[in-house]
């Protein structure tokens, strides 16, 4: 299979499996998405979706959020981990939104990445899912799968993002990054991986990854 055929195979398989693509984090607007994505750092989406209703019941906009103390925010989001940093970030970015952006989330990578506790991946998720701007946020699932599929060398997430953007058509980025996340969770997880169910890796997987899998499961 040529590289182009592999790419087409990946795209077609993901489209068949996920014609409708659910967004993993529950939100109602760009602000609540931004907060949910910030909370998802080193925390599962399931846990975030359990915590955000509690937080948003008290404050689902920057004006209400700044009325809460950092300590109050921290108490609510504690189960998501990294709560000292995340609570300061949520309070701080809410203040900036009010002061500089009339309480509206800006549609700019540069502006988003200037906020406390907001990195490139968080900004990319907000730009793609809230505003429809082409972006390819790379999480652990995408990083793992792009390596398993031999589409990147897996050195770091920055390289994986560059390779994904180079390989896949820009108009598909926003759908593909979500489709790959769902595929990684359902068919190609880090633990409890069953290669028989993982049709993409089974078909185009990196030789060393497949060999290691068979060696591990030979017994």
N, C-alpha and C. Protein backbone atom coordinates (compact mmCIF):
# COMPACT_ATOMS: atom_id res chain seq x y z
N UNK A 1 0.84 -1.19 0.00
CA UNK A 1 0.00 0.00 0.00
C UNK A 1 0.88 1.26 0.00
N UNK A 2 0.63 2.18 -0.92
CA UNK A 2 1.41 3.42 -0.95
C UNK A 2 0.97 4.32 0.21
N UNK A 3 1.78 5.36 0.48
CA UNK A 3 1.44 6.30 1.56
C UNK A 3 0.06 6.92 1.30
N UNK A 4 -0.17 7.32 0.04
CA UNK A 4 -1.46 7.96 -0.31
C UNK A 4 -2.62 6.99 -0.08
N UNK A 5 -2.42 5.72 -0.42
CA UNK A 5 -3.47 4.71 -0.22
C UNK A 5 -3.74 4.49 1.27
N UNK A 6 -2.66 4.53 2.06
CA UNK A 6 -2.82 4.38 3.52
C UNK A 6 -3.66 5.52 4.09
N UNK A 7 -3.36 6.74 3.65
CA UNK A 7 -4.10 7.92 4.13
C UNK A 7 -5.58 7.78 3.78
N UNK A 8 -5.84 7.40 2.53
CA UNK A 8 -7.23 7.22 2.07
C UNK A 8 -7.93 6.13 2.89
N UNK A 9 -7.20 5.06 3.17
CA UNK A 9 -7.76 3.95 3.95
C UNK A 9 -8.13 4.43 5.36
N UNK A 10 -7.25 5.21 5.99
CA UNK A 10 -7.52 5.74 7.33
C UNK A 10 -8.77 6.62 7.31
N UNK A 11 -8.81 7.56 6.36
CA UNK A 11 -9.94 8.50 6.27
C UNK A 11 -11.25 7.76 6.04
N UNK A 12 -11.24 6.82 5.08
CA UNK A 12 -12.47 6.08 4.75
C UNK A 12 -12.96 5.22 5.92
N UNK A 13 -12.01 4.56 6.60
CA UNK A 13 -12.36 3.70 7.73
C UNK A 13 -12.98 4.53 8.86
N UNK A 14 -12.36 5.67 9.15
CA UNK A 14 -12.87 6.52 10.23
C UNK A 14 -14.24 7.10 9.88
N UNK A 15 -14.43 7.45 8.61
CA UNK A 15 -15.74 7.97 8.19
C UNK A 15 -16.84 6.92 8.29
N UNK A 16 -16.47 5.67 7.99
CA UNK A 16 -17.45 4.57 8.11
C UNK A 16 -17.83 4.34 9.57
N UNK A 17 -16.82 4.37 10.45
CA UNK A 17 -17.06 4.10 11.86
C UNK A 17 -17.73 5.27 12.58
N UNK A 18 -17.37 6.49 12.15
CA UNK A 18 -17.88 7.69 12.85
C UNK A 18 -18.45 8.70 11.86
N UNK A 19 -19.58 8.36 11.23
CA UNK A 19 -20.20 9.33 10.32
C UNK A 19 -20.73 10.54 11.09
N UNK A 20 -21.22 10.28 12.30
CA UNK A 20 -21.60 11.36 13.22
C UNK A 20 -20.51 11.40 14.29
N UNK A 21 -19.99 12.59 14.56
CA UNK A 21 -18.84 12.67 15.47
C UNK A 21 -19.21 13.43 16.75
N UNK A 22 -19.40 12.70 17.84
CA UNK A 22 -19.72 13.40 19.09
C UNK A 22 -18.50 14.17 19.62
N UNK A 23 -18.75 15.33 20.22
CA UNK A 23 -17.67 16.09 20.85
C UNK A 23 -17.51 15.55 22.27
N UNK A 24 -16.28 15.17 22.66
CA UNK A 24 -16.10 14.48 23.96
C UNK A 24 -16.46 15.30 25.19
N UNK A 25 -16.25 16.61 25.13
CA UNK A 25 -16.48 17.43 26.33
C UNK A 25 -17.80 18.19 26.22
N UNK A 26 -18.64 18.04 27.24
CA UNK A 26 -19.94 18.73 27.25
C UNK A 26 -19.72 20.24 27.44
N UNK A 27 -20.38 21.03 26.60
CA UNK A 27 -20.28 22.49 26.72
C UNK A 27 -21.43 23.11 25.96
N UNK A 28 -21.66 24.41 26.17
CA UNK A 28 -22.77 25.07 25.46
C UNK A 28 -22.31 26.27 24.64
N UNK A 29 -21.07 26.71 24.86
CA UNK A 29 -20.57 27.87 24.13
C UNK A 29 -19.03 27.88 24.22
N UNK A 30 -18.36 28.83 23.53
CA UNK A 30 -16.89 28.84 23.55
C UNK A 30 -16.28 28.94 24.95
N UNK A 31 -16.92 29.71 25.84
CA UNK A 31 -16.36 29.86 27.19
C UNK A 31 -16.39 28.54 27.96
N UNK A 32 -17.54 27.88 27.96
CA UNK A 32 -17.64 26.62 28.72
C UNK A 32 -16.75 25.54 28.09
N UNK A 33 -16.56 25.59 26.77
CA UNK A 33 -15.64 24.65 26.12
C UNK A 33 -14.21 24.94 26.58
N UNK A 34 -13.83 26.20 26.58
CA UNK A 34 -12.48 26.58 27.01
C UNK A 34 -12.18 26.08 28.42
N UNK A 35 -13.13 26.27 29.32
CA UNK A 35 -12.95 25.82 30.71
C UNK A 35 -12.86 24.29 30.76
N UNK A 36 -13.73 23.61 30.02
CA UNK A 36 -13.73 22.13 30.02
C UNK A 36 -12.41 21.58 29.48
N UNK A 37 -11.91 22.19 28.41
CA UNK A 37 -10.65 21.70 27.82
C UNK A 37 -9.49 21.95 28.78
N UNK A 38 -9.49 23.10 29.42
CA UNK A 38 -8.45 23.41 30.41
C UNK A 38 -8.47 22.36 31.54
N UNK A 39 -9.67 22.00 31.97
CA UNK A 39 -9.79 21.00 33.05
C UNK A 39 -9.35 19.61 32.61
N UNK A 40 -9.40 19.34 31.30
CA UNK A 40 -9.13 17.98 30.82
C UNK A 40 -7.64 17.63 30.79
N UNK A 41 -6.76 18.59 31.07
CA UNK A 41 -5.33 18.28 31.12
C UNK A 41 -5.07 17.23 32.21
N UNK A 42 -4.49 16.11 31.81
CA UNK A 42 -4.19 15.00 32.72
C UNK A 42 -5.42 14.54 33.51
N UNK A 43 -6.57 14.59 32.84
CA UNK A 43 -7.82 14.15 33.47
C UNK A 43 -8.71 13.58 32.36
N UNK A 44 -9.49 12.57 32.67
CA UNK A 44 -10.34 11.97 31.63
C UNK A 44 -11.52 12.89 31.31
N UNK A 45 -11.99 12.79 30.08
CA UNK A 45 -13.16 13.57 29.67
C UNK A 45 -14.39 13.19 30.49
N UNK A 46 -14.49 11.92 30.85
CA UNK A 46 -15.64 11.44 31.65
C UNK A 46 -15.68 12.19 32.98
N UNK A 47 -14.50 12.28 33.62
CA UNK A 47 -14.42 12.99 34.91
C UNK A 47 -14.74 14.47 34.73
N UNK A 48 -14.20 15.09 33.68
CA UNK A 48 -14.47 16.51 33.42
C UNK A 48 -15.98 16.74 33.26
N UNK A 49 -16.63 15.85 32.50
CA UNK A 49 -18.08 15.99 32.27
C UNK A 49 -18.90 15.79 33.55
N UNK A 50 -18.30 15.16 34.56
CA UNK A 50 -18.99 15.02 35.85
C UNK A 50 -18.84 16.30 36.69
N UNK A 51 -17.70 16.98 36.50
CA UNK A 51 -17.37 18.14 37.33
C UNK A 51 -17.91 19.46 36.76
N UNK A 52 -17.89 19.61 35.42
CA UNK A 52 -18.28 20.91 34.85
C UNK A 52 -19.73 21.31 35.18
N UNK A 53 -20.71 20.39 35.25
CA UNK A 53 -22.06 20.84 35.63
C UNK A 53 -22.09 21.50 37.01
N UNK A 54 -21.25 21.00 37.95
CA UNK A 54 -21.19 21.57 39.30
C UNK A 54 -20.60 22.98 39.25
N UNK A 55 -19.54 23.12 38.43
CA UNK A 55 -18.90 24.44 38.31
C UNK A 55 -19.80 25.42 37.56
N UNK A 56 -20.37 24.95 36.43
CA UNK A 56 -21.18 25.85 35.60
C UNK A 56 -22.53 26.21 36.24
N UNK A 57 -22.97 25.40 37.21
CA UNK A 57 -24.19 25.77 37.93
C UNK A 57 -23.96 27.06 38.73
N UNK A 58 -22.72 27.25 39.15
CA UNK A 58 -22.37 28.47 39.90
C UNK A 58 -21.89 29.58 38.96
N UNK A 59 -21.15 29.17 37.90
CA UNK A 59 -20.58 30.18 36.99
C UNK A 59 -20.33 29.57 35.62
N UNK A 60 -21.15 29.97 34.64
CA UNK A 60 -20.94 29.47 33.28
C UNK A 60 -20.54 30.61 32.33
N UNK A 61 -20.04 31.70 32.92
CA UNK A 61 -19.57 32.84 32.14
C UNK A 61 -18.50 33.56 32.95
N UNK A 62 -17.64 34.34 32.30
CA UNK A 62 -16.53 34.95 33.04
C UNK A 62 -16.97 35.90 34.14
N UNK A 63 -18.10 36.59 33.96
CA UNK A 63 -18.56 37.57 34.96
C UNK A 63 -18.91 36.89 36.28
N UNK A 64 -19.58 35.74 36.18
CA UNK A 64 -19.91 35.00 37.41
C UNK A 64 -18.67 34.30 37.97
N UNK A 65 -17.79 33.86 37.07
CA UNK A 65 -16.60 33.12 37.52
C UNK A 65 -15.70 34.01 38.38
N UNK A 66 -15.53 35.28 38.01
CA UNK A 66 -14.63 36.14 38.79
C UNK A 66 -15.23 36.51 40.15
N UNK A 67 -16.54 36.32 40.30
CA UNK A 67 -17.16 36.56 41.61
C UNK A 67 -16.79 35.47 42.61
N UNK A 68 -16.40 34.30 42.08
CA UNK A 68 -15.96 33.21 42.95
C UNK A 68 -14.49 33.41 43.30
N UNK A 69 -14.09 32.91 44.45
CA UNK A 69 -12.67 32.97 44.79
C UNK A 69 -11.95 31.80 44.13
N UNK A 70 -10.64 31.94 44.01
CA UNK A 70 -9.82 30.84 43.45
C UNK A 70 -10.01 29.59 44.30
N UNK A 71 -10.11 29.80 45.61
CA UNK A 71 -10.28 28.67 46.55
C UNK A 71 -11.60 27.93 46.29
N UNK A 72 -12.67 28.69 46.03
CA UNK A 72 -13.97 28.07 45.75
C UNK A 72 -13.92 27.25 44.46
N UNK A 73 -13.29 27.83 43.45
CA UNK A 73 -13.15 27.11 42.17
C UNK A 73 -12.34 25.84 42.39
N UNK A 74 -11.26 25.98 43.16
CA UNK A 74 -10.36 24.84 43.41
C UNK A 74 -11.09 23.68 44.07
N UNK A 75 -11.96 24.00 45.04
CA UNK A 75 -12.70 22.96 45.75
C UNK A 75 -13.58 22.15 44.80
N UNK A 76 -14.24 22.85 43.87
CA UNK A 76 -15.15 22.17 42.94
C UNK A 76 -14.38 21.30 41.95
N UNK A 77 -13.26 21.82 41.44
CA UNK A 77 -12.55 21.10 40.36
C UNK A 77 -11.49 20.15 40.88
N UNK A 78 -11.36 20.03 42.19
CA UNK A 78 -10.30 19.18 42.77
C UNK A 78 -10.22 17.78 42.15
N UNK A 79 -11.36 17.10 41.90
CA UNK A 79 -11.28 15.74 41.33
C UNK A 79 -10.59 15.68 39.96
N UNK A 80 -10.48 16.81 39.28
CA UNK A 80 -9.83 16.81 37.96
C UNK A 80 -8.31 16.85 38.03
N UNK A 81 -7.76 17.02 39.24
CA UNK A 81 -6.31 17.08 39.38
C UNK A 81 -5.76 18.44 38.99
N UNK A 82 -4.52 18.71 39.45
CA UNK A 82 -3.83 19.99 39.17
C UNK A 82 -4.71 21.19 39.53
N UNK A 83 -5.54 21.02 40.57
CA UNK A 83 -6.54 22.06 40.87
C UNK A 83 -5.94 23.42 41.26
N UNK A 84 -4.77 23.49 41.94
CA UNK A 84 -4.23 24.82 42.25
C UNK A 84 -3.94 25.63 40.98
N UNK A 85 -3.27 24.98 40.01
CA UNK A 85 -2.93 25.67 38.76
C UNK A 85 -4.18 25.97 37.93
N UNK A 86 -5.06 24.99 37.83
CA UNK A 86 -6.25 25.14 36.98
C UNK A 86 -7.21 26.20 37.53
N UNK A 87 -7.37 26.25 38.87
CA UNK A 87 -8.28 27.24 39.45
C UNK A 87 -7.75 28.65 39.24
N UNK A 88 -6.43 28.83 39.39
CA UNK A 88 -5.84 30.15 39.11
C UNK A 88 -6.01 30.52 37.64
N UNK A 89 -5.81 29.52 36.78
CA UNK A 89 -5.95 29.76 35.34
C UNK A 89 -7.37 30.17 34.97
N UNK A 90 -8.35 29.45 35.50
CA UNK A 90 -9.77 29.75 35.19
C UNK A 90 -10.14 31.15 35.66
N UNK A 91 -9.73 31.49 36.88
CA UNK A 91 -10.04 32.81 37.43
C UNK A 91 -9.31 33.89 36.63
N UNK A 92 -8.03 33.63 36.36
CA UNK A 92 -7.20 34.61 35.65
C UNK A 92 -7.68 34.88 34.24
N UNK A 93 -7.99 33.81 33.50
CA UNK A 93 -8.42 34.02 32.10
C UNK A 93 -9.81 34.67 32.05
N UNK A 94 -10.63 34.40 33.07
CA UNK A 94 -11.96 35.04 33.12
C UNK A 94 -11.81 36.55 33.31
N UNK A 95 -10.86 36.95 34.15
CA UNK A 95 -10.59 38.38 34.34
C UNK A 95 -10.12 39.03 33.04
N UNK A 96 -9.21 38.34 32.33
CA UNK A 96 -8.69 38.88 31.06
C UNK A 96 -9.81 39.00 30.03
N UNK A 97 -10.68 37.99 29.97
CA UNK A 97 -11.80 38.03 29.01
C UNK A 97 -12.67 39.27 29.25
N UNK A 98 -12.91 39.58 30.51
CA UNK A 98 -13.74 40.74 30.84
C UNK A 98 -13.00 42.05 30.50
N UNK A 99 -11.73 42.11 30.91
CA UNK A 99 -10.96 43.34 30.73
C UNK A 99 -10.66 43.64 29.26
N UNK A 100 -10.31 42.60 28.51
CA UNK A 100 -9.82 42.83 27.14
C UNK A 100 -10.79 42.47 26.03
N UNK A 101 -11.74 41.56 26.31
CA UNK A 101 -12.55 41.00 25.23
C UNK A 101 -14.06 41.07 25.48
N UNK A 102 -14.49 41.98 26.35
CA UNK A 102 -15.93 42.12 26.66
C UNK A 102 -16.59 40.80 27.05
N UNK A 103 -15.81 39.95 27.69
CA UNK A 103 -16.36 38.67 28.16
C UNK A 103 -16.49 37.60 27.10
N UNK A 104 -16.06 37.92 25.86
CA UNK A 104 -16.17 36.96 24.75
C UNK A 104 -14.84 36.24 24.53
N UNK A 105 -14.90 34.96 24.22
CA UNK A 105 -13.67 34.22 23.92
C UNK A 105 -13.17 34.64 22.53
N UNK A 106 -11.91 35.09 22.43
CA UNK A 106 -11.40 35.54 21.14
C UNK A 106 -11.14 34.39 20.17
N UNK A 107 -11.35 34.67 18.88
CA UNK A 107 -11.12 33.63 17.85
C UNK A 107 -9.71 33.77 17.30
N UNK A 108 -8.73 33.54 18.17
CA UNK A 108 -7.34 33.71 17.75
C UNK A 108 -6.44 32.78 18.57
N UNK A 109 -5.60 32.02 17.88
CA UNK A 109 -4.65 31.13 18.57
C UNK A 109 -3.77 31.94 19.52
N UNK A 110 -3.26 33.06 18.99
CA UNK A 110 -2.32 33.90 19.75
C UNK A 110 -2.96 34.41 21.04
N UNK A 111 -4.18 34.92 20.94
CA UNK A 111 -4.87 35.43 22.13
C UNK A 111 -5.13 34.31 23.14
N UNK A 112 -5.64 33.18 22.65
CA UNK A 112 -5.95 32.06 23.55
C UNK A 112 -4.71 31.54 24.26
N UNK A 113 -3.61 31.43 23.51
CA UNK A 113 -2.38 30.89 24.09
C UNK A 113 -1.71 31.86 25.06
N UNK A 114 -2.17 33.11 25.06
CA UNK A 114 -1.61 34.08 26.02
C UNK A 114 -2.30 33.98 27.38
N UNK A 115 -3.42 33.24 27.44
CA UNK A 115 -4.15 33.11 28.71
C UNK A 115 -3.41 32.17 29.67
N UNK A 116 -3.56 32.41 30.98
CA UNK A 116 -2.95 31.49 31.95
C UNK A 116 -3.55 30.09 31.83
N UNK A 117 -2.67 29.08 31.94
CA UNK A 117 -3.08 27.66 31.92
C UNK A 117 -3.63 27.19 30.57
N UNK A 118 -3.49 28.02 29.53
CA UNK A 118 -3.95 27.61 28.20
C UNK A 118 -2.74 27.42 27.29
N UNK A 119 -2.54 26.19 26.83
CA UNK A 119 -1.44 25.90 25.92
C UNK A 119 -1.95 25.75 24.48
N UNK A 120 -1.05 25.33 23.61
CA UNK A 120 -1.38 25.22 22.19
C UNK A 120 -2.51 24.21 21.93
N UNK A 121 -2.47 23.09 22.66
CA UNK A 121 -3.49 22.06 22.42
C UNK A 121 -4.88 22.57 22.82
N UNK A 122 -4.98 23.20 23.98
CA UNK A 122 -6.26 23.75 24.43
C UNK A 122 -6.78 24.79 23.43
N UNK A 123 -5.89 25.68 23.01
CA UNK A 123 -6.28 26.70 22.03
C UNK A 123 -6.77 26.05 20.74
N UNK A 124 -6.09 24.99 20.31
CA UNK A 124 -6.46 24.30 19.06
C UNK A 124 -7.84 23.67 19.16
N UNK A 125 -8.14 23.07 20.31
CA UNK A 125 -9.46 22.45 20.51
C UNK A 125 -10.55 23.52 20.44
N UNK A 126 -10.33 24.63 21.10
CA UNK A 126 -11.33 25.71 21.11
C UNK A 126 -11.51 26.28 19.71
N UNK A 127 -10.40 26.52 19.01
CA UNK A 127 -10.48 27.09 17.66
C UNK A 127 -11.23 26.16 16.72
N UNK A 128 -10.97 24.85 16.84
CA UNK A 128 -11.61 23.90 15.92
C UNK A 128 -13.06 23.61 16.30
N UNK A 129 -13.31 23.35 17.58
CA UNK A 129 -14.64 22.90 17.98
C UNK A 129 -15.62 24.04 18.25
N UNK A 130 -15.11 25.20 18.69
CA UNK A 130 -16.01 26.32 18.97
C UNK A 130 -16.18 27.21 17.74
N UNK A 131 -15.11 27.36 16.96
CA UNK A 131 -15.14 28.34 15.87
C UNK A 131 -14.97 27.74 14.46
N UNK A 132 -14.75 26.41 14.40
CA UNK A 132 -14.64 25.77 13.09
C UNK A 132 -13.39 26.12 12.31
N UNK A 133 -12.38 26.66 13.00
CA UNK A 133 -11.11 26.99 12.33
C UNK A 133 -10.27 25.71 12.25
N UNK A 134 -9.72 25.39 11.07
CA UNK A 134 -8.94 24.16 10.95
C UNK A 134 -7.78 24.11 11.95
N UNK A 135 -7.75 23.04 12.74
CA UNK A 135 -6.68 22.82 13.71
C UNK A 135 -6.55 21.32 13.92
N UNK A 136 -5.43 20.88 14.46
CA UNK A 136 -5.25 19.44 14.69
C UNK A 136 -4.67 19.23 16.09
N UNK A 137 -5.51 19.41 17.13
CA UNK A 137 -5.01 19.22 18.49
C UNK A 137 -4.59 17.77 18.69
N UNK A 138 -3.37 17.57 19.17
CA UNK A 138 -2.87 16.20 19.35
C UNK A 138 -2.91 15.83 20.82
N UNK A 139 -3.74 14.82 21.15
CA UNK A 139 -3.74 14.30 22.52
C UNK A 139 -3.00 12.97 22.54
N UNK A 140 -3.03 12.28 23.67
CA UNK A 140 -2.26 11.03 23.79
C UNK A 140 -2.75 9.97 22.80
N UNK A 141 -4.06 9.94 22.54
CA UNK A 141 -4.60 8.94 21.60
C UNK A 141 -4.05 9.18 20.19
N UNK A 142 -4.11 10.42 19.74
CA UNK A 142 -3.65 10.74 18.38
C UNK A 142 -2.14 10.50 18.27
N UNK A 143 -1.42 10.89 19.30
CA UNK A 143 0.04 10.69 19.32
C UNK A 143 0.37 9.20 19.20
N UNK A 144 -0.35 8.38 19.97
CA UNK A 144 -0.11 6.93 19.96
C UNK A 144 -0.47 6.32 18.60
N UNK A 145 -1.63 6.71 18.07
CA UNK A 145 -2.11 6.09 16.83
C UNK A 145 -1.29 6.51 15.61
N UNK A 146 -0.92 7.78 15.55
CA UNK A 146 -0.09 8.24 14.42
C UNK A 146 1.23 7.47 14.39
N UNK A 147 1.75 7.14 15.58
CA UNK A 147 2.98 6.35 15.64
C UNK A 147 2.70 4.89 15.24
N UNK A 148 1.64 4.32 15.79
CA UNK A 148 1.30 2.92 15.46
C UNK A 148 1.06 2.76 13.96
N UNK A 149 0.47 3.81 13.35
CA UNK A 149 0.16 3.74 11.92
C UNK A 149 1.34 4.12 11.03
N UNK A 150 2.49 4.40 11.67
CA UNK A 150 3.71 4.74 10.94
C UNK A 150 3.55 6.03 10.13
N UNK A 151 2.79 6.98 10.68
CA UNK A 151 2.58 8.26 9.99
C UNK A 151 3.37 9.39 10.65
N UNK A 152 4.08 9.06 11.74
CA UNK A 152 4.98 10.01 12.39
C UNK A 152 6.02 9.21 13.15
N UNK A 153 7.14 9.86 13.47
CA UNK A 153 8.20 9.13 14.20
C UNK A 153 7.94 9.11 15.71
N UNK A 154 6.91 9.84 16.15
CA UNK A 154 6.51 9.77 17.55
C UNK A 154 7.45 10.45 18.52
N UNK A 155 8.34 11.33 18.02
CA UNK A 155 9.30 12.00 18.92
C UNK A 155 8.58 12.83 19.98
N UNK A 156 7.62 13.64 19.56
CA UNK A 156 6.87 14.46 20.51
C UNK A 156 5.56 14.90 19.84
N UNK A 157 4.65 15.48 20.65
CA UNK A 157 3.33 15.84 20.11
C UNK A 157 3.43 16.95 19.07
N UNK A 158 4.43 17.81 19.22
CA UNK A 158 4.60 18.90 18.23
C UNK A 158 4.89 18.33 16.85
N UNK A 159 5.78 17.32 16.81
CA UNK A 159 6.12 16.68 15.53
C UNK A 159 4.91 15.93 14.97
N UNK A 160 4.18 15.26 15.86
CA UNK A 160 3.00 14.52 15.42
C UNK A 160 1.97 15.47 14.80
N UNK A 161 1.79 16.63 15.43
CA UNK A 161 0.83 17.62 14.88
C UNK A 161 1.28 18.09 13.49
N UNK A 162 2.57 18.40 13.37
CA UNK A 162 3.11 18.84 12.06
C UNK A 162 2.85 17.78 10.99
N UNK A 163 3.15 16.52 11.34
CA UNK A 163 2.98 15.43 10.37
C UNK A 163 1.51 15.24 10.01
N UNK A 164 0.62 15.31 11.01
CA UNK A 164 -0.82 15.15 10.75
C UNK A 164 -1.31 16.23 9.79
N UNK A 165 -0.85 17.46 10.02
CA UNK A 165 -1.28 18.58 9.17
C UNK A 165 -0.73 18.46 7.75
N UNK A 166 0.44 17.87 7.65
CA UNK A 166 1.06 17.70 6.33
C UNK A 166 0.37 16.57 5.55
N UNK A 167 0.00 15.52 6.27
CA UNK A 167 -0.54 14.31 5.64
C UNK A 167 -2.01 14.45 5.25
N UNK A 168 -2.82 14.99 6.17
CA UNK A 168 -4.26 14.99 5.96
C UNK A 168 -4.74 16.32 5.37
N UNK A 169 -5.77 16.28 4.50
CA UNK A 169 -6.32 17.51 3.92
C UNK A 169 -6.88 18.44 5.00
N UNK A 170 -6.59 19.72 4.86
CA UNK A 170 -6.95 20.70 5.90
C UNK A 170 -8.44 20.73 6.20
N UNK A 171 -9.27 20.52 5.17
CA UNK A 171 -10.72 20.59 5.41
C UNK A 171 -11.24 19.40 6.23
N UNK A 172 -10.37 18.40 6.46
CA UNK A 172 -10.78 17.24 7.26
C UNK A 172 -10.22 17.27 8.69
N UNK A 173 -9.31 18.20 8.97
CA UNK A 173 -8.63 18.20 10.27
C UNK A 173 -9.59 18.16 11.46
N UNK A 174 -10.61 19.03 11.44
CA UNK A 174 -11.48 19.14 12.61
C UNK A 174 -12.27 17.86 12.88
N UNK A 175 -12.69 17.19 11.81
CA UNK A 175 -13.37 15.90 12.00
C UNK A 175 -12.38 14.81 12.37
N UNK A 176 -11.27 14.77 11.65
CA UNK A 176 -10.32 13.67 11.84
C UNK A 176 -9.74 13.61 13.25
N UNK A 177 -9.41 14.76 13.82
CA UNK A 177 -8.78 14.69 15.15
C UNK A 177 -9.75 14.08 16.16
N UNK A 178 -11.04 14.36 16.00
CA UNK A 178 -12.04 13.75 16.90
C UNK A 178 -12.25 12.27 16.57
N UNK A 179 -12.31 11.96 15.28
CA UNK A 179 -12.50 10.55 14.88
C UNK A 179 -11.35 9.68 15.39
N UNK A 180 -10.12 10.20 15.30
CA UNK A 180 -8.96 9.42 15.76
C UNK A 180 -9.00 9.23 17.27
N UNK A 181 -9.44 10.26 18.00
CA UNK A 181 -9.57 10.13 19.46
C UNK A 181 -10.56 9.01 19.81
N UNK A 182 -11.74 9.03 19.17
CA UNK A 182 -12.74 7.99 19.45
C UNK A 182 -12.22 6.61 19.04
N UNK A 183 -11.55 6.55 17.89
CA UNK A 183 -11.00 5.27 17.43
C UNK A 183 -9.97 4.74 18.44
N UNK A 184 -9.11 5.64 18.92
CA UNK A 184 -8.08 5.24 19.88
C UNK A 184 -8.68 4.68 21.15
N UNK A 185 -9.76 5.30 21.61
CA UNK A 185 -10.41 4.83 22.83
C UNK A 185 -11.07 3.47 22.64
N UNK A 186 -11.72 3.31 21.48
CA UNK A 186 -12.54 2.11 21.27
C UNK A 186 -11.78 0.92 20.69
N UNK A 187 -10.82 1.21 19.79
CA UNK A 187 -10.19 0.11 19.05
C UNK A 187 -8.68 -0.02 19.25
N UNK A 188 -8.03 1.06 19.70
CA UNK A 188 -6.57 1.01 19.78
C UNK A 188 -6.05 1.68 21.05
N UNK A 189 -6.53 1.20 22.22
CA UNK A 189 -6.13 1.83 23.49
C UNK A 189 -4.67 1.50 23.85
N UNK A 190 -4.14 2.23 24.81
CA UNK A 190 -2.78 1.96 25.28
C UNK A 190 -2.74 0.64 26.04
N UNK A 191 -3.79 0.41 26.86
CA UNK A 191 -3.85 -0.84 27.64
C UNK A 191 -5.05 -1.69 27.19
N UNK A 192 -4.89 -3.00 27.28
CA UNK A 192 -5.98 -3.90 26.88
C UNK A 192 -6.26 -3.84 25.39
N UNK A 193 -5.20 -3.68 24.61
CA UNK A 193 -5.31 -3.51 23.16
C UNK A 193 -5.47 -4.86 22.48
N UNK A 194 -6.51 -4.98 21.66
CA UNK A 194 -6.76 -6.20 20.87
C UNK A 194 -6.57 -5.86 19.39
N UNK A 195 -5.46 -6.29 18.85
CA UNK A 195 -5.10 -5.93 17.47
C UNK A 195 -6.13 -6.45 16.46
N UNK A 196 -6.77 -7.57 16.80
CA UNK A 196 -7.77 -8.13 15.87
C UNK A 196 -8.90 -7.14 15.60
N UNK A 197 -9.26 -6.36 16.63
CA UNK A 197 -10.36 -5.39 16.48
C UNK A 197 -9.87 -4.08 15.86
N UNK A 198 -8.57 -3.87 15.89
CA UNK A 198 -7.97 -2.62 15.44
C UNK A 198 -7.61 -2.72 13.95
N UNK A 199 -8.63 -2.55 13.10
CA UNK A 199 -8.45 -2.79 11.67
C UNK A 199 -7.40 -1.88 11.02
N UNK A 200 -7.30 -0.64 11.49
CA UNK A 200 -6.35 0.28 10.86
C UNK A 200 -4.91 -0.14 11.16
N UNK A 201 -4.58 -0.34 12.44
CA UNK A 201 -3.22 -0.76 12.79
C UNK A 201 -2.91 -2.12 12.18
N UNK A 202 -3.90 -3.00 12.19
CA UNK A 202 -3.73 -4.34 11.62
C UNK A 202 -3.36 -4.27 10.14
N UNK A 203 -3.89 -3.27 9.45
CA UNK A 203 -3.70 -3.16 8.00
C UNK A 203 -2.45 -2.36 7.63
N UNK A 204 -2.20 -1.24 8.35
CA UNK A 204 -1.08 -0.37 7.93
C UNK A 204 -0.06 -0.14 9.04
N UNK A 205 -0.15 -0.90 10.13
CA UNK A 205 0.68 -0.62 11.32
C UNK A 205 2.17 -0.69 11.08
N UNK A 206 2.90 0.05 11.88
CA UNK A 206 4.36 0.05 11.88
C UNK A 206 4.85 -1.36 12.19
N UNK A 207 5.80 -1.82 11.41
CA UNK A 207 6.26 -3.21 11.53
C UNK A 207 6.74 -3.52 12.95
N UNK A 208 7.53 -2.63 13.54
CA UNK A 208 8.09 -2.89 14.87
C UNK A 208 6.98 -2.96 15.93
N UNK A 209 5.93 -2.16 15.75
CA UNK A 209 4.80 -2.16 16.69
C UNK A 209 4.06 -3.50 16.61
N UNK A 210 3.82 -3.96 15.36
CA UNK A 210 3.12 -5.24 15.18
C UNK A 210 3.95 -6.41 15.72
N UNK A 211 5.26 -6.38 15.45
CA UNK A 211 6.14 -7.46 15.93
C UNK A 211 6.14 -7.52 17.46
N UNK A 212 6.20 -6.33 18.07
CA UNK A 212 6.21 -6.27 19.54
C UNK A 212 4.89 -6.79 20.09
N UNK A 213 3.78 -6.45 19.43
CA UNK A 213 2.47 -6.91 19.89
C UNK A 213 2.41 -8.44 19.85
N UNK A 214 2.84 -9.02 18.72
CA UNK A 214 2.77 -10.48 18.57
C UNK A 214 3.70 -11.21 19.56
N UNK A 215 4.86 -10.57 19.81
CA UNK A 215 5.80 -11.17 20.75
C UNK A 215 5.19 -11.21 22.16
N UNK A 216 4.57 -10.08 22.54
CA UNK A 216 3.94 -9.96 23.86
C UNK A 216 2.79 -10.95 24.02
N UNK A 217 2.06 -11.16 22.93
CA UNK A 217 0.85 -11.99 23.02
C UNK A 217 1.05 -13.42 22.54
N UNK A 218 2.31 -13.79 22.31
CA UNK A 218 2.61 -15.14 21.79
C UNK A 218 2.23 -16.21 22.80
N UNK A 219 2.40 -15.88 24.09
CA UNK A 219 2.09 -16.86 25.13
C UNK A 219 0.58 -17.04 25.25
